Amino acid sequence: MIEIWTDGSCEVHTTQNGGWAFITSDGGEYGGYLRSTTNNRAELTAVLKALEWCLNRKTTAIIYCDSQYVVNSLTKWGKGWQSSGWKKAIANKDIFTVLYPLYVESGCEIRWIRGHNGNEGNEAADRLAVRCMKNQLTVSNN
């Protein structure tokens, strides 16, 4: 099974620009630039892009994310939000209404991992997200 590490980054005190990235266990590196965003939106985008990647390749993965907000939203709260018709006041609802159905459809597993704790996959995703943010890059290889 493929493993994927995701991360998002945002310059919260200056430009509000951000980056997202995911790294795959088969050597893939993917990332992009986000203008005027938040760290949570960057984290959500990274997972969204990883799920789209899995669906496009008809594969499942274990996705590691260092955002408890993202992991809990998908594994604990998303089902209730969707079943209520997304009527609650949900931060980042525009992303969740796309992200949650993709998560369910994908069959992927998402797990929380402590960020900046020496895990090479997480560290690589962080470095790529920061690079995409600072250099306004899009990266797609593999």
C-alpha atoms as a PDB file:
ATOM      1  CA  MET A   1       0.000   0.000   0.000  1.00  0.00           C
ATOM      2  CA  ILE A   2       1.183   3.499  -0.806  1.00  0.00           C
ATOM      3  CA  GLU A   3       1.964   5.856   2.054  1.00  0.00           C
ATOM      4  CA  ILE A   4       1.541   9.601   1.627  1.00  0.00           C
ATOM      5  CA  TRP A   5       2.711  12.438   3.858  1.00  0.00           C
ATOM      6  CA  THR A   6       0.956  15.799   3.519  1.00  0.00           C
ATOM      7  CA  ASP A   7       1.667  19.278   4.808  1.00  0.00           C
ATOM      8  CA  GLY A   8       0.579  22.849   4.384  1.00  0.00           C
ATOM      9  CA  SER A   9       2.379  26.072   5.118  1.00  0.00           C
ATOM     10  CA  CYS A  10       1.340  29.709   5.438  1.00  0.00           C
ATOM     11  CA  GLU A  11       3.081  32.995   6.149  1.00  0.00           C
ATOM     12  CA  VAL A  12       0.505  34.112   8.699  1.00  0.00           C
ATOM     13  CA  HIS A  13       2.328  37.254   9.826  1.00  0.00           C
ATOM     14  CA  THR A  14       3.173  38.704   6.420  1.00  0.00           C
ATOM     15  CA  THR A  15       1.718  37.913   2.992  1.00  0.00           C
ATOM     16  CA  GLN A  16      -0.850  35.253   3.991  1.00  0.00           C
ATOM     17  CA  ASN A  17       0.461  33.249   1.034  1.00  0.00           C
ATOM     18  CA  GLY A  18       0.840  29.527   1.462  1.00  0.00           C
ATOM     19  CA  GLY A  19       1.933  26.242   0.015  1.00  0.00           C
ATOM     20  CA  TRP A  20       0.722  22.665   0.080  1.00  0.00           C
ATOM     21  CA  ALA A  21       2.582  19.440  -0.587  1.00  0.00           C
ATOM     22  CA  PHE A  22       2.426  15.691  -0.452  1.00  0.00           C
ATOM     23  CA  ILE A  23       5.139  13.089  -0.744  1.00  0.00           C
ATOM     24  CA  THR A  24       4.446   9.499  -1.792  1.00  0.00           C
ATOM     25  CA  SER A  25       6.322   6.401  -0.650  1.00  0.00           C
ATOM     26  CA  ASP A  26       7.119   5.586  -4.294  1.00  0.00           C
ATOM     27  CA  GLY A  27       9.126   8.804  -4.660  1.00  0.00           C
ATOM     28  CA  GLY A  28       6.498  11.247  -5.896  1.00  0.00           C
ATOM     29  CA  GLU A  29       6.585  14.895  -4.881  1.00  0.00           C
ATOM     30  CA  TYR A  30       3.636  17.203  -5.493  1.00  0.00           C
ATOM     31  CA  GLY A  31       3.004  20.714  -4.295  1.00  0.00           C
ATOM     32  CA  GLY A  32       1.637  24.104  -5.113  1.00  0.00           C
ATOM     33  CA  TYR A  33       1.302  27.745  -4.208  1.00  0.00           C
ATOM     34  CA  LEU A  34      -1.749  29.345  -2.583  1.00  0.00           C
ATOM     35  CA  ARG A  35      -2.367  33.090  -2.595  1.00  0.00           C
ATOM     36  CA  SER A  36      -3.961  34.722   0.450  1.00  0.00           C
ATOM     37  CA  THR A  37      -4.817  31.648   2.504  1.00  0.00           C
ATOM     38  CA  THR A  38      -4.634  30.205   5.997  1.00  0.00           C
ATOM     39  CA  ASN A  39      -2.582  27.374   7.388  1.00  0.00           C
ATOM     40  CA  ASN A  40      -5.701  25.218   7.789  1.00  0.00           C
ATOM     41  CA  ARG A  41      -6.672  25.772   4.148  1.00  0.00           C
ATOM     42  CA  ALA A  42      -3.140  24.842   3.066  1.00  0.00           C
ATOM     43  CA  GLU A  43      -3.306  21.636   5.156  1.00  0.00           C
ATOM     44  CA  LEU A  44      -6.748  20.810   3.720  1.00  0.00           C
ATOM     45  CA  THR A  45      -5.552  21.438   0.169  1.00  0.00           C
ATOM     46  CA  ALA A  46      -2.624  19.049   0.624  1.00  0.00           C
ATOM     47  CA  VAL A  47      -4.952  16.236   1.700  1.00  0.00           C
ATOM     48  CA  LEU A  48      -7.449  17.088  -1.050  1.00  0.00           C
ATOM     49  CA  LYS A  49      -4.724  16.879  -3.703  1.00  0.00           C
ATOM     50  CA  ALA A  50      -3.434  13.595  -2.241  1.00  0.00           C
ATOM     51  CA  LEU A  51      -6.931  12.087  -2.391  1.00  0.00           C
ATOM     52  CA  GLU A  52      -7.397  13.258  -5.979  1.00  0.00           C
ATOM     53  CA  TRP A  53      -4.035  11.662  -6.826  1.00  0.00           C
ATOM     54  CA  CYS A  54      -5.175   8.354  -5.302  1.00  0.00           C
ATOM     55  CA  LEU A  55      -8.528   8.408  -7.094  1.00  0.00           C
ATOM     56  CA  ASN A  56      -6.892   9.224 -10.431  1.00  0.00           C
ATOM     57  CA  ARG A  57      -4.581   6.225 -10.016  1.00  0.00           C
ATOM     58  CA  LYS A  58      -7.303   3.968  -8.622  1.00  0.00           C
ATOM     59  CA  THR A  59      -5.189   3.239  -5.563  1.00  0.00           C
ATOM     60  CA  THR A  60      -5.663   3.532  -1.841  1.00  0.00           C
ATOM     61  CA  ALA A  61      -3.151   4.907   0.593  1.00  0.00           C
ATOM     62  CA  ILE A  62      -2.426   5.613   4.192  1.00  0.00           C
ATOM     63  CA  ILE A  63      -2.254   9.393   4.347  1.00  0.00           C
ATOM     64  CA  TYR A  64      -0.310  10.946   7.207  1.00  0.00           C
ATOM     65  CA  CYS A  65      -1.243  14.486   8.183  1.00  0.00           C
ATOM     66  CA  ASP A  66       0.136  16.576  11.038  1.00  0.00           C
ATOM     67  CA  SER A  67      -3.064  18.607  11.408  1.00  0.00           C
ATOM     68  CA  GLN A  68      -5.427  17.234  14.028  1.00  0.00           C
ATOM     69  CA  TYR A  69      -8.029  19.665  12.652  1.00  0.00           C
ATOM     70  CA  VAL A  70      -7.934  17.962   9.253  1.00  0.00           C
ATOM     71  CA  VAL A  71      -7.793  14.397  10.581  1.00  0.00           C
ATOM     72  CA  ASN A  72     -10.615  14.923  13.088  1.00  0.00           C
ATOM     73  CA  SER A  73     -12.737  16.718  10.501  1.00  0.00           C
ATOM     74  CA  LEU A  74     -12.541  13.742   8.169  1.00  0.00           C
ATOM     75  CA  THR A  75     -12.680  10.891  10.684  1.00  0.00           C
ATOM     76  CA  LYS A  76     -14.999  12.288  13.388  1.00  0.00           C
ATOM     77  CA  TRP A  77     -17.091  15.233  12.199  1.00  0.00           C
ATOM     78  CA  GLY A  78     -17.443  14.975   8.410  1.00  0.00           C
ATOM     79  CA  LYS A  79     -20.119  12.278   8.402  1.00  0.00           C
ATOM     80  CA  GLY A  80     -22.381  14.389  10.624  1.00  0.00           C
ATOM     81  CA  TRP A  81     -21.756  17.541   8.595  1.00  0.00           C
ATOM     82  CA  GLN A  82     -22.636  15.736   5.382  1.00  0.00           C
ATOM     83  CA  SER A  83     -25.729  14.012   6.812  1.00  0.00           C
ATOM     84  CA  SER A  84     -27.058  17.387   8.024  1.00  0.00           C
ATOM     85  CA  GLY A  85     -26.688  18.790   4.520  1.00  0.00           C
ATOM     86  CA  TRP A  86     -23.687  20.926   5.450  1.00  0.00           C
ATOM     87  CA  LYS A  87     -26.065  23.336   7.244  1.00  0.00           C
ATOM     88  CA  LYS A  88     -23.848  23.998  10.249  1.00  0.00           C
ATOM     89  CA  ALA A  89     -21.513  26.971  10.295  1.00  0.00           C
ATOM     90  CA  ILE A  90     -18.322  25.120   9.356  1.00  0.00           C
ATOM     91  CA  ALA A  91     -15.024  26.884   8.794  1.00  0.00           C
ATOM     92  CA  ASN A  92     -13.673  26.052   5.327  1.00  0.00           C
ATOM     93  CA  LYS A  93     -17.017  24.532   4.305  1.00  0.00           C
ATOM     94  CA  ASP A  94     -16.215  25.161   0.624  1.00  0.00           C
ATOM     95  CA  ILE A  95     -13.293  22.743   0.861  1.00  0.00           C
ATOM     96  CA  PHE A  96     -14.978  20.194   3.134  1.00  0.00           C
ATOM     97  CA  THR A  97     -17.995  19.771   0.842  1.00  0.00           C
ATOM     98  CA  VAL A  98     -15.540  18.553  -1.820  1.00  0.00           C
ATOM     99  CA  LEU A  99     -12.941  16.925   0.437  1.00  0.00           C
ATOM    100  CA  TYR A 100     -15.153  14.724   2.602  1.00  0.00           C
ATOM    101  CA  PRO A 101     -16.937  12.908  -0.260  1.00  0.00           C
ATOM    102  CA  LEU A 102     -13.552  12.289  -1.927  1.00  0.00           C
ATOM    103  CA  TYR A 103     -12.206  10.891   1.330  1.00  0.00           C
ATOM    104  CA  VAL A 104     -15.137   8.478   1.604  1.00  0.00           C
ATOM    105  CA  GLU A 105     -14.954   7.486  -2.071  1.00  0.00           C
ATOM    106  CA  SER A 106     -11.199   6.947  -2.017  1.00  0.00           C
ATOM    107  CA  GLY A 107     -11.120   4.255   0.648  1.00  0.00           C
ATOM    108  CA  CYS A 108      -7.921   5.841   1.929  1.00  0.00           C
ATOM    109  CA  GLU A 109      -7.034   5.888   5.583  1.00  0.00           C
ATOM    110  CA  ILE A 110      -5.933   9.128   7.198  1.00  0.00           C
ATOM    111  CA  ARG A 111      -3.759   9.157  10.299  1.00  0.00           C
ATOM    112  CA  TRP A 112      -2.444  11.944  12.464  1.00  0.00           C
ATOM    113  CA  ILE A 113       1.317  12.177  12.817  1.00  0.00           C
ATOM    114  CA  ARG A 114       3.164  14.596  15.056  1.00  0.00           C
ATOM    115  CA  GLY A 115       4.700  17.291  12.870  1.00  0.00           C
ATOM    116  CA  HIS A 116       8.330  18.382  12.963  1.00  0.00           C
ATOM    117  CA  ASN A 117       9.233  15.337  14.988  1.00  0.00           C
ATOM    118  CA  GLY A 118      11.863  13.690  12.807  1.00  0.00           C
ATOM    119  CA  ASN A 119       9.565  11.683  10.520  1.00  0.00           C
ATOM    120  CA  GLU A 120      11.287  11.972   7.130  1.00  0.00           C
ATOM    121  CA  GLY A 121       8.064  11.873   5.099  1.00  0.00           C
ATOM    122  CA  ASN A 122       6.539  14.659   7.163  1.00  0.00           C
ATOM    123  CA  GLU A 123       9.741  16.695   7.096  1.00  0.00           C
ATOM    124  CA  ALA A 124      10.015  16.323   3.297  1.00  0.00           C
ATOM    125  CA  ALA A 125       6.387  17.394   2.803  1.00  0.00           C
ATOM    126  CA  ASP A 126       7.000  20.410   5.051  1.00  0.00           C
ATOM    127  CA  ARG A 127      10.124  21.443   3.130  1.00  0.00           C
ATOM    128  CA  LEU A 128       8.287  21.154  -0.192  1.00  0.00           C
ATOM    129  CA  ALA A 129       5.242  23.110   1.042  1.00  0.00           C
ATOM    130  CA  VAL A 130       7.494  25.916   2.289  1.00  0.00           C
ATOM    131  CA  ARG A 131       9.450  25.919  -0.980  1.00  0.00           C
ATOM    132  CA  CYS A 132       6.237  26.130  -3.021  1.00  0.00           C
ATOM    133  CA  MET A 133       5.012  28.982  -0.813  1.00  0.00           C
ATOM    134  CA  LYS A 134       8.219  31.009  -0.900  1.00  0.00           C
ATOM    135  CA  ASN A 135       8.946  30.512  -4.606  1.00  0.00           C
ATOM    136  CA  GLN A 136       5.338  30.423  -5.844  1.00  0.00           C
ATOM    137  CA  LEU A 137       5.960  26.980  -7.353  1.00  0.00           C
ATOM    138  CA  THR A 138       3.927  24.082  -8.589  1.00  0.00           C
ATOM    139  CA  VAL A 139       5.721  20.729  -8.365  1.00  0.00           C
ATOM    140  CA  SER A 140       4.562  17.463  -9.880  1.00  0.00           C
ATOM    141  CA  ASN A 141       6.966  14.589 -10.462  1.00  0.00           C
ATOM    142  CA  ASN A 142       6.481  10.854 -10.709  1.00  0.00           C
END
